[in-house]
Amino acid sequence: MTRSVFARLRSGALLACTIVVTGCGVQPLSDAAGAAVVTRVNCGIDVAVDGPPRRIYAAYQPSIEIAHALGVTDRLVGTAFLDSAVLDEYADAQARAPYVEKLPSRDELLAQRPDFVMSGFNGVFASSAQNSVGTRASLHELGVRTWVLSPLCPSADGLADEAIDPDTVRFDNVYADLRDLGALWGTSERAEEVVTQLSSRIDAVRAKVGSAAKPRVAVVTPKDDGSYTVAGGLDFITQIIEAAGGVNAFADLTTKRNVPVGAEELIARDPDIILTSLCCKATYTRADGRPQVDKIVGNPAFANLAAVRNATVHPFLFADRAAGVRIAHATELVATLIHPELFGR
C-alpha cells in the first residue's frame, strides 16, 4: 500500500472516530457535518457509516451474491474466491464485477481503497489464517468497515470457525444480516424484498415436507489422500437439511464446520443419503461433482452403505452449504434430493 493510500484511509478512520454511538447501536445519528450516521452491530462489533459505502469489496461466494442481490454491483471494487458458478440471476452482474480467483493479501485489498469489506466466511479476518487480511479492528482503524455473516460469528475478533456460537447458526440471522446491510448500504427496501422472497420459498418447502419421514443425510467431501471430511453441526447445511425435511447424520460434531472422519465412521453412521461437496472454482456446477460421487460409490468399503445401495449419493456444491442468498435455492434443491416423491422427481 502506498503512503498516499494509507493517508486517505487514516483520514477516514479519524472521521469515523468522531461518531457517537448509542447503546442500542441502531439509531441514525449525525456527525459534526450533519451527515446521517447509521450503525449496526455485527458479531459484537459496531459498524457505522456516515453514508452508503461506495467502494465495497466482497470476499467469498456468499458475500458476492448478497452484494448482487442487494443491488450494489456497481459499487464493487473487487470480488474474490467463488466456490462455484453464481446463481443464474446474478451471472450478468458478476460478469461486470472485478474478480480474482484467490483472496487478496492485505496490501492488495487496501490498494483497491475499499470503504467496506464483506466476507462470506470468518477466516479472512482470523489472526491464525494464512490468507488473513488482518483483524476487523485493524481495518476499522484505517476507516474500512467490515462485515462477517452472522451465522459465522466468532466469539471475538480475529478468531475463526472454532469460536462459532452454535446458537447463531440460524436462518433468522441471515435475514437480519440482509436487513442490516440494506440499512448500511442504503438499500433497505431491496433487502426487505429479498428477505420476503427467501423466507417465503423456505416456508413453502417446510410446509411440503412437514409430515414426511426425516432421512439421515451426510455431506461428505472425499479428499485426494483417501480421507474424508463431513459437514458437522456448525455448518449451515445442517439448517438447510432440517428445513428440507432431513437431519444431518453428523450434527453432533460441533468442534468446527468441516470435520475429518475415517471410512469406518461413515460406515458406522450409515446415512440414508450422501451429498458430496465440490469446491472451489468459479465455473463449477453440480454436474462437475460427479467424480466425487463415483469416488464414494466405487469404494468397495462403502458397498453396503444404504446411500450406495439405494443410489442416493448425489453431487452437491459447497456453495449450497453456505449462509447467504442461496439458502432458498439450496433448501429447495436438498428437499428434491431427499424427498423426490414429494416433488415429482
Protein backbone atom coordinates (compact mmCIF):
# COMPACT_ATOMS: atom_id res chain seq x y z
CA MET A 1 0.00 0.00 0.00
CA THR A 2 1.31 3.45 -0.90
CA ARG A 3 1.71 6.20 1.68
CA SER A 4 -0.97 8.32 -0.03
CA VAL A 5 -3.49 5.48 0.10
CA PHE A 6 -2.69 4.92 3.75
CA ALA A 7 -3.15 8.62 4.45
CA ARG A 8 -6.59 8.66 2.84
CA LEU A 9 -7.66 5.60 4.79
CA ARG A 10 -6.29 7.07 8.00
CA SER A 11 -8.32 10.24 7.40
CA GLY A 12 -11.41 8.10 7.04
CA ALA A 13 -10.66 6.39 10.31
CA LEU A 14 -10.30 9.71 12.12
CA LEU A 15 -13.63 10.87 10.72
CA ALA A 16 -15.27 7.66 11.85
CA CYS A 17 -13.87 8.18 15.33
CA THR A 18 -15.96 11.36 15.67
CA ILE A 19 -19.13 9.29 15.52
CA VAL A 20 -21.13 8.95 18.72
CA VAL A 21 -22.75 5.55 19.05
CA THR A 22 -25.80 4.86 21.18
CA GLY A 23 -26.13 1.82 23.41
CA CYS A 24 -28.52 0.03 21.05
CA GLY A 25 -26.30 0.81 18.06
CA VAL A 26 -29.12 1.02 15.54
CA GLN A 27 -30.30 4.61 15.56
CA PRO A 28 -29.18 7.03 12.86
CA LEU A 29 -27.17 9.93 14.31
CA SER A 30 -25.45 12.89 12.76
CA ASP A 31 -21.76 13.69 12.60
CA ALA A 32 -20.31 17.15 13.01
CA ALA A 33 -21.02 17.94 9.34
CA GLY A 34 -24.66 16.92 9.71
CA ALA A 35 -24.40 13.68 7.71
CA ALA A 36 -26.65 10.86 8.89
CA VAL A 37 -24.78 8.04 10.56
CA VAL A 38 -26.17 4.52 10.52
CA THR A 39 -24.80 1.93 12.92
CA ARG A 40 -25.40 -1.78 13.07
CA VAL A 41 -23.78 -4.37 15.33
CA ASN A 42 -22.16 -7.37 13.65
CA CYS A 43 -20.54 -10.15 15.68
CA GLY A 44 -20.34 -7.75 18.65
CA ILE A 45 -18.61 -5.03 16.65
CA ASP A 46 -20.22 -1.65 15.89
CA VAL A 47 -20.24 -0.94 12.17
CA ALA A 48 -21.06 2.72 11.48
CA VAL A 49 -21.25 4.54 8.17
CA ASP A 50 -21.98 8.21 7.52
CA GLY A 51 -23.37 7.37 4.09
CA PRO A 52 -23.76 4.30 1.91
CA PRO A 53 -20.34 2.75 1.18
CA ARG A 54 -19.19 3.43 -2.37
CA ARG A 55 -16.23 1.06 -2.62
CA ILE A 56 -17.30 -2.40 -1.44
CA TYR A 57 -15.03 -5.47 -1.56
CA ALA A 58 -16.80 -8.84 -1.40
CA ALA A 59 -14.79 -11.93 -0.48
CA TYR A 60 -16.21 -15.42 -0.97
CA GLN A 61 -19.38 -16.61 -2.69
CA PRO A 62 -21.97 -15.68 -0.04
CA SER A 63 -20.92 -12.04 0.16
CA ILE A 64 -20.56 -11.69 -3.61
CA GLU A 65 -24.09 -12.97 -4.21
CA ILE A 66 -25.50 -10.84 -1.40
CA ALA A 67 -23.95 -7.74 -2.96
CA HIS A 68 -25.63 -8.52 -6.29
CA ALA A 69 -28.93 -9.38 -4.59
CA LEU A 70 -28.98 -6.06 -2.74
CA GLY A 71 -28.23 -4.14 -5.93
CA VAL A 72 -24.75 -2.77 -5.17
CA THR A 73 -22.91 -4.43 -8.05
CA ASP A 74 -21.83 -1.06 -9.42
CA ARG A 75 -20.17 -0.24 -6.09
CA LEU A 76 -17.99 -3.37 -6.04
CA VAL A 77 -14.28 -2.56 -6.37
CA GLY A 78 -13.38 -6.22 -6.12
CA THR A 79 -14.73 -9.74 -5.67
CA ALA A 80 -12.71 -12.81 -4.82
CA PHE A 81 -12.88 -16.58 -4.41
CA LEU A 82 -16.04 -18.06 -5.83
CA ASP A 83 -16.72 -21.66 -4.81
CA SER A 84 -18.83 -22.32 -7.92
CA ALA A 85 -20.75 -20.51 -10.62
CA VAL A 86 -23.01 -17.84 -9.16
CA LEU A 87 -26.75 -18.37 -9.33
CA ASP A 88 -28.18 -17.65 -12.77
CA GLU A 89 -29.90 -14.46 -11.62
CA TYR A 90 -26.52 -12.96 -10.68
CA ALA A 91 -24.48 -14.13 -13.67
CA ASP A 92 -24.76 -10.89 -15.65
CA ALA A 93 -23.94 -8.81 -12.58
CA GLN A 94 -20.92 -10.90 -11.70
CA ALA A 95 -19.64 -10.65 -15.26
CA ARG A 96 -19.42 -6.87 -14.73
CA ALA A 97 -17.65 -7.11 -11.38
CA PRO A 98 -13.85 -7.17 -10.94
CA TYR A 99 -12.90 -10.71 -9.91
CA VAL A 100 -9.81 -12.57 -8.76
CA GLU A 101 -9.72 -16.30 -8.00
CA LYS A 102 -7.59 -16.04 -4.87
CA LEU A 103 -8.20 -13.97 -1.78
CA PRO A 104 -6.17 -10.77 -1.84
CA SER A 105 -3.32 -10.08 0.52
CA ARG A 106 -3.84 -7.21 2.94
CA ASP A 107 -1.88 -4.84 0.70
CA GLU A 108 -3.73 -6.00 -2.42
CA LEU A 109 -7.04 -5.46 -0.65
CA LEU A 110 -6.16 -1.97 0.58
CA ALA A 111 -4.81 -1.00 -2.83
CA GLN A 112 -8.42 -1.20 -4.06
CA ARG A 113 -9.26 1.55 -1.49
CA PRO A 114 -12.38 -0.22 -0.16
CA ASP A 115 -14.56 1.58 2.36
CA PHE A 116 -16.42 -1.65 3.21
CA VAL A 117 -15.20 -5.27 3.19
CA MET A 118 -17.70 -8.06 3.49
CA SER A 119 -16.63 -11.67 3.89
CA GLY A 120 -18.72 -14.77 3.43
CA PHE A 121 -16.52 -16.64 5.92
CA ASN A 122 -14.74 -15.55 9.08
CA GLY A 123 -11.27 -16.85 8.23
CA VAL A 124 -10.31 -13.86 6.12
CA PHE A 125 -10.16 -11.78 9.33
CA ALA A 126 -8.70 -14.54 11.52
CA SER A 127 -5.28 -13.97 13.07
CA SER A 128 -4.39 -17.62 12.56
CA ALA A 129 -5.27 -17.78 8.85
CA GLN A 130 -2.53 -17.71 6.23
CA ASN A 131 -4.77 -15.72 3.88
CA SER A 132 -5.94 -13.24 6.52
CA VAL A 133 -6.22 -9.59 5.53
CA GLY A 134 -5.95 -8.64 9.20
CA THR A 135 -8.43 -8.45 12.02
CA ARG A 136 -11.56 -6.37 11.63
CA ALA A 137 -10.28 -3.96 14.28
CA SER A 138 -7.12 -3.36 12.27
CA LEU A 139 -9.19 -2.49 9.19
CA HIS A 140 -11.61 -0.30 11.13
CA GLU A 141 -8.58 1.69 12.34
CA LEU A 142 -7.96 2.52 8.68
CA GLY A 143 -11.55 3.63 8.11
CA VAL A 144 -12.53 0.38 6.37
CA ARG A 145 -15.77 -1.05 7.73
CA THR A 146 -16.19 -4.84 7.74
CA TRP A 147 -18.89 -7.47 7.96
CA VAL A 148 -18.98 -11.23 8.56
CA LEU A 149 -22.20 -13.15 8.05
CA SER A 150 -23.75 -13.60 11.48
CA PRO A 151 -24.17 -17.41 11.33
CA LEU A 152 -20.35 -17.49 11.24
CA CYS A 153 -19.69 -15.00 14.04
CA PRO A 154 -16.67 -16.00 16.12
CA SER A 155 -16.76 -15.16 19.82
CA ALA A 156 -14.09 -12.48 19.34
CA ASP A 157 -12.46 -10.54 16.53
CA GLY A 158 -9.56 -12.45 14.97
CA LEU A 159 -10.96 -15.91 15.70
CA ALA A 160 -12.45 -18.36 13.19
CA ASP A 161 -14.73 -21.39 12.96
CA GLU A 162 -13.56 -22.92 16.23
CA ALA A 163 -15.21 -19.99 18.05
CA ILE A 164 -18.63 -20.04 16.36
CA ASP A 165 -21.59 -19.97 18.75
CA PRO A 166 -23.95 -22.77 17.57
CA ASP A 167 -26.96 -20.69 18.60
CA THR A 168 -26.11 -18.11 15.90
CA VAL A 169 -26.30 -20.62 13.05
CA ARG A 170 -29.87 -19.77 12.08
CA PHE A 171 -31.90 -18.62 9.06
CA ASP A 172 -33.10 -15.65 11.10
CA ASN A 173 -29.54 -14.36 11.32
CA VAL A 174 -29.22 -14.41 7.53
CA TYR A 175 -32.38 -12.33 7.28
CA ALA A 176 -31.10 -9.96 9.98
CA ASP A 177 -27.82 -9.54 8.09
CA LEU A 178 -29.64 -8.69 4.88
CA ARG A 179 -31.73 -6.05 6.65
CA ASP A 180 -28.67 -4.61 8.43
CA LEU A 181 -26.62 -4.49 5.24
CA GLY A 182 -29.56 -2.90 3.46
CA ALA A 183 -29.63 -0.16 6.11
CA LEU A 184 -25.87 0.42 5.91
CA TRP A 185 -25.74 0.32 2.11
CA GLY A 186 -28.87 2.44 1.56
CA THR A 187 -30.84 -0.46 0.04
CA SER A 188 -33.31 -1.27 2.82
CA GLU A 189 -36.30 -1.64 0.53
CA ARG A 190 -34.47 -4.11 -1.68
CA ALA A 191 -33.23 -6.03 1.37
CA GLU A 192 -36.78 -6.42 2.65
CA GLU A 193 -37.87 -7.74 -0.74
CA VAL A 194 -35.06 -10.31 -0.73
CA VAL A 195 -35.87 -11.45 2.81
CA THR A 196 -39.53 -11.85 1.92
CA GLN A 197 -38.69 -13.88 -1.19
CA LEU A 198 -36.22 -16.15 0.61
CA SER A 199 -38.37 -16.78 3.68
CA SER A 200 -41.46 -17.45 1.56
CA ARG A 201 -39.66 -20.05 -0.54
CA ILE A 202 -38.18 -21.77 2.51
CA ASP A 203 -41.51 -21.76 4.37
CA ALA A 204 -43.11 -23.38 1.33
CA VAL A 205 -40.58 -26.21 1.46
CA ARG A 206 -41.07 -26.65 5.20
CA ALA A 207 -44.82 -26.95 4.68
CA LYS A 208 -44.42 -29.55 1.94
CA VAL A 209 -42.02 -31.82 3.85
CA GLY A 210 -43.58 -31.22 7.26
CA SER A 211 -45.06 -34.65 7.95
CA ALA A 212 -42.62 -36.73 5.90
CA ALA A 213 -40.11 -39.10 7.46
CA LYS A 214 -36.74 -37.44 8.05
CA PRO A 215 -33.86 -39.27 6.35
CA ARG A 216 -30.33 -39.01 7.76
CA VAL A 217 -28.17 -37.00 5.40
CA ALA A 218 -24.37 -36.79 5.34
CA VAL A 219 -22.47 -34.14 3.40
CA VAL A 220 -19.18 -35.80 2.54
CA THR A 221 -16.05 -34.47 0.85
CA PRO A 222 -13.72 -37.19 -0.44
CA LYS A 223 -10.13 -35.95 -0.22
CA ASP A 224 -7.32 -36.74 -2.64
CA ASP A 225 -5.43 -38.66 0.06
CA GLY A 226 -8.33 -41.07 0.58
CA SER A 227 -9.64 -39.40 3.73
CA TYR A 228 -12.99 -37.69 4.18
CA THR A 229 -14.46 -34.63 5.81
CA VAL A 230 -18.11 -34.22 6.73
CA ALA A 231 -20.22 -31.18 7.45
CA GLY A 232 -20.74 -31.00 11.20
CA GLY A 233 -23.47 -29.36 13.22
CA LEU A 234 -21.91 -25.89 12.95
CA ASP A 235 -22.13 -25.93 9.18
CA PHE A 236 -25.13 -24.05 7.80
CA ILE A 237 -26.09 -27.09 5.73
CA THR A 238 -27.45 -28.55 8.97
CA GLN A 239 -30.13 -25.84 8.98
CA ILE A 240 -30.80 -26.35 5.27
CA ILE A 241 -31.17 -30.13 5.67
CA GLU A 242 -33.61 -29.67 8.56
CA ALA A 243 -35.70 -27.16 6.58
CA ALA A 244 -35.69 -29.62 3.69
CA GLY A 245 -37.09 -32.39 5.87
CA GLY A 246 -34.00 -34.33 6.93
CA VAL A 247 -31.39 -34.49 9.69
CA ASN A 248 -27.62 -34.10 9.44
CA ALA A 249 -26.16 -37.51 10.30
CA PHE A 250 -23.12 -35.73 11.79
CA ALA A 251 -24.92 -32.86 13.54
CA ASP A 252 -23.45 -33.88 16.90
CA LEU A 253 -19.92 -32.97 15.71
CA THR A 254 -19.62 -29.30 16.59
CA THR A 255 -15.93 -28.54 17.03
CA LYS A 256 -15.82 -26.95 13.58
CA ARG A 257 -17.78 -26.86 10.33
CA ASN A 258 -15.68 -29.39 8.40
CA VAL A 259 -14.79 -32.44 10.45
CA PRO A 260 -12.32 -35.13 9.33
CA VAL A 261 -13.68 -38.66 9.67
CA GLY A 262 -12.47 -42.10 8.69
CA ALA A 263 -14.26 -44.50 6.40
CA GLU A 264 -15.16 -46.56 9.48
CA GLU A 265 -17.10 -43.64 10.96
CA LEU A 266 -19.03 -43.11 7.76
CA ILE A 267 -19.88 -46.82 7.64
CA ALA A 268 -20.93 -46.83 11.29
CA ARG A 269 -23.33 -43.91 10.80
CA ASP A 270 -24.68 -45.37 7.54
CA PRO A 271 -26.54 -42.29 6.25
CA ASP A 272 -29.62 -42.72 4.10
CA ILE A 273 -28.44 -40.05 1.68
CA ILE A 274 -24.98 -38.65 0.88
CA LEU A 275 -24.37 -35.27 -0.69
CA THR A 276 -20.88 -34.50 -1.93
CA SER A 277 -19.30 -31.05 -1.59
CA LEU A 278 -17.47 -29.73 -4.64
CA CYS A 279 -15.35 -26.61 -4.30
CA CYS A 280 -13.71 -24.21 -5.34
CA LYS A 281 -13.82 -22.91 -8.92
CA ALA A 282 -15.94 -20.11 -10.37
CA THR A 283 -17.26 -22.32 -13.18
CA TYR A 284 -18.30 -25.34 -11.14
CA THR A 285 -21.85 -26.66 -11.43
CA ARG A 286 -23.39 -29.73 -9.80
CA ALA A 287 -22.55 -31.79 -12.87
CA ASP A 288 -18.86 -31.30 -12.10
CA GLY A 289 -19.40 -33.12 -8.81
CA ARG A 290 -20.00 -36.48 -10.46
CA PRO A 291 -16.36 -37.69 -9.93
CA GLN A 292 -16.81 -37.21 -6.18
CA VAL A 293 -19.93 -39.38 -6.35
CA ASP A 294 -18.02 -42.01 -8.31
CA LYS A 295 -15.23 -41.99 -5.72
CA ILE A 296 -17.70 -42.83 -2.94
CA VAL A 297 -19.85 -45.27 -4.89
CA GLY A 298 -16.77 -47.02 -6.29
CA ASN A 299 -15.16 -47.60 -2.89
CA PRO A 300 -15.67 -51.32 -2.05
CA ALA A 301 -15.71 -50.45 1.64
CA PHE A 302 -18.91 -48.48 1.10
CA ALA A 303 -20.74 -51.14 -0.89
CA ASN A 304 -23.18 -51.83 1.94
CA LEU A 305 -23.93 -48.21 2.77
CA ALA A 306 -27.66 -47.54 2.45
CA ALA A 307 -26.96 -44.48 0.30
CA VAL A 308 -24.84 -46.54 -2.10
CA ARG A 309 -27.28 -49.45 -2.29
CA ASN A 310 -30.19 -47.07 -2.87
CA ALA A 311 -28.36 -44.86 -5.39
CA THR A 312 -28.86 -41.81 -3.20
CA VAL A 313 -25.34 -40.40 -3.40
CA HIS A 314 -25.75 -37.06 -5.16
CA PRO A 315 -23.36 -34.42 -6.47
CA PHE A 316 -23.61 -31.23 -4.46
CA LEU A 317 -21.81 -27.90 -4.31
CA PHE A 318 -20.01 -26.48 -1.30
CA ALA A 319 -21.59 -23.15 -2.27
CA ASP A 320 -25.00 -24.59 -1.44
CA ARG A 321 -23.91 -25.22 2.16
CA ALA A 322 -23.39 -21.55 2.94
CA ALA A 323 -25.39 -18.89 4.73
CA GLY A 324 -26.38 -16.27 2.18
CA VAL A 325 -28.94 -15.63 -0.52
CA ARG A 326 -28.56 -19.20 -1.83
CA ILE A 327 -30.42 -20.58 1.21
CA ALA A 328 -33.78 -20.80 -0.57
CA HIS A 329 -32.23 -22.38 -3.67
CA ALA A 330 -30.27 -24.83 -1.50
CA THR A 331 -33.28 -25.75 0.63
CA GLU A 332 -35.39 -26.43 -2.45
CA LEU A 333 -32.59 -28.48 -4.01
CA VAL A 334 -31.93 -30.59 -0.92
CA ALA A 335 -35.65 -31.18 -0.48
CA THR A 336 -35.97 -32.55 -4.01
CA LEU A 337 -32.94 -34.80 -3.45
CA ILE A 338 -34.09 -36.29 -0.15
CA HIS A 339 -37.85 -36.27 -0.81
CA PRO A 340 -38.13 -36.82 -4.58
CA GLU A 341 -41.57 -38.39 -4.11
CA LEU A 342 -42.92 -35.08 -2.82
CA PHE A 343 -41.57 -33.06 -5.72
CA GLY A 344 -42.49 -35.25 -8.64
CA ARG A 345 -38.96 -36.48 -9.27
